[in-house]
Amino acid sequence: MLVAYANLPAIAVTLATAFIYAALARQILDRPGGALSADIYLATSGELMPFVPIALVWLALVAVGLWFFLQRTAFPQVYGVGSAGRPCSRPGSSRG
């Protein structure tokens, strides 16, 4: 969205996002490069049923939640972003 609406370079937004994720990882982990806390480890590891990893269940829940959020806000109009606006536009939608 920063690339599309604020006209920021895609590489700058990508690098900034990487730094933000690294900072969040340092807050969650015990120490830089360290292990997860026991609570987070137990919530994201193991299997719910045989051959169904719990991480896959979390991924599906987040994806469905994000999909519901995007369907009920003004964000569904954004389907593709990049430096080439023409290939990213949807047929029938106006780009302004």
Protein backbone atom coordinates (compact mmCIF):
# COMPACT_ATOMS: atom_id res chain seq x y z
CA MET A 1 0.00 0.00 0.00
CA LEU A 2 2.90 2.33 0.64
CA VAL A 3 4.15 1.66 -2.87
CA ALA A 4 0.75 2.22 -4.48
CA TYR A 5 -0.55 5.19 -2.53
CA ALA A 6 2.55 6.96 -1.19
CA ASN A 7 4.63 6.34 -4.34
CA LEU A 8 7.56 5.01 -2.30
CA PRO A 9 10.13 2.78 -4.02
CA ALA A 10 9.30 -0.90 -3.64
CA ILE A 11 12.83 -1.81 -2.53
CA ALA A 12 12.75 0.78 0.29
CA VAL A 13 9.40 -0.51 1.55
CA THR A 14 10.64 -4.11 1.38
CA LEU A 15 13.78 -3.34 3.37
CA ALA A 16 11.85 -1.30 5.93
CA THR A 17 9.42 -4.18 6.38
CA ALA A 18 12.33 -6.57 6.92
CA PHE A 19 13.73 -4.30 9.65
CA ILE A 20 10.31 -4.10 11.32
CA TYR A 21 9.97 -7.89 11.32
CA ALA A 22 13.48 -8.25 12.74
CA ALA A 23 12.63 -5.84 15.54
CA LEU A 24 9.43 -7.77 16.31
CA ALA A 25 11.39 -11.02 16.36
CA ARG A 26 13.83 -9.56 18.87
CA GLN A 27 10.90 -8.62 21.11
CA ILE A 28 9.34 -12.09 20.92
CA LEU A 29 12.54 -14.14 21.27
CA ASP A 30 14.40 -14.43 24.56
CA ARG A 31 17.60 -13.12 22.98
CA PRO A 32 18.72 -12.33 19.41
CA GLY A 33 18.91 -15.66 17.62
CA GLY A 34 17.50 -17.36 20.71
CA ALA A 35 14.65 -19.77 21.25
CA LEU A 36 10.94 -19.05 21.52
CA SER A 37 9.28 -18.99 24.89
CA ALA A 38 7.60 -22.21 25.97
CA ASP A 39 4.07 -20.77 25.53
CA ILE A 40 4.63 -19.73 21.92
CA TYR A 41 6.39 -22.99 21.14
CA LEU A 42 3.52 -25.08 22.50
CA ALA A 43 0.89 -22.97 20.67
CA THR A 44 2.60 -23.35 17.29
CA SER A 45 4.16 -26.81 17.33
CA GLY A 46 2.80 -30.30 17.24
CA GLU A 47 -0.12 -31.77 15.37
CA LEU A 48 -3.82 -31.19 15.76
CA MET A 49 -4.65 -34.51 14.08
CA PRO A 50 -2.29 -36.99 12.46
CA PHE A 51 -0.54 -35.30 9.54
CA VAL A 52 -2.11 -31.85 10.24
CA PRO A 53 0.50 -29.53 11.77
CA ILE A 54 -0.86 -26.90 14.15
CA ALA A 55 1.09 -24.23 12.25
CA LEU A 56 -1.00 -25.03 9.17
CA VAL A 57 -4.16 -24.51 11.22
CA TRP A 58 -2.86 -21.12 12.43
CA LEU A 59 -2.00 -20.15 8.85
CA ALA A 60 -5.50 -21.07 7.67
CA LEU A 61 -7.12 -19.11 10.53
CA VAL A 62 -5.05 -16.01 9.78
CA ALA A 63 -5.75 -16.28 6.03
CA VAL A 64 -9.51 -16.64 6.55
CA GLY A 65 -9.53 -13.79 9.07
CA LEU A 66 -7.60 -11.55 6.72
CA TRP A 67 -9.91 -12.48 3.84
CA PHE A 68 -13.01 -11.59 5.91
CA PHE A 69 -11.41 -8.29 6.95
CA LEU A 70 -10.53 -7.38 3.36
CA GLN A 71 -14.01 -8.26 2.10
CA ARG A 72 -15.68 -5.92 4.59
CA THR A 73 -13.47 -2.86 4.14
CA ALA A 74 -12.42 -0.64 1.24
CA PHE A 75 -9.25 -2.72 0.80
CA PRO A 76 -10.74 -5.31 -1.61
CA GLN A 77 -10.06 -2.86 -4.41
CA VAL A 78 -6.32 -3.49 -4.01
CA TYR A 79 -5.46 -6.81 -5.67
CA GLY A 80 -2.01 -6.08 -7.03
CA VAL A 81 0.64 -3.51 -6.35
CA GLY A 82 3.91 -2.82 -8.03
CA SER A 83 5.79 -0.42 -10.21
CA ALA A 84 3.82 -1.41 -13.32
CA GLY A 85 0.29 -0.16 -12.70
CA ARG A 86 -1.30 -1.44 -15.91
CA PRO A 87 -0.79 -5.19 -15.30
CA CYS A 88 -1.92 -4.79 -11.69
CA SER A 89 -5.29 -3.24 -12.49
CA ARG A 90 -8.42 -5.34 -12.46
CA PRO A 91 -10.74 -5.32 -15.46
CA GLY A 92 -13.66 -3.03 -14.76
CA SER A 93 -12.00 -1.08 -11.98
CA SER A 94 -10.92 2.50 -12.20
CA ARG A 95 -7.43 3.50 -11.19
CA GLY A 96 -7.28 7.02 -9.95
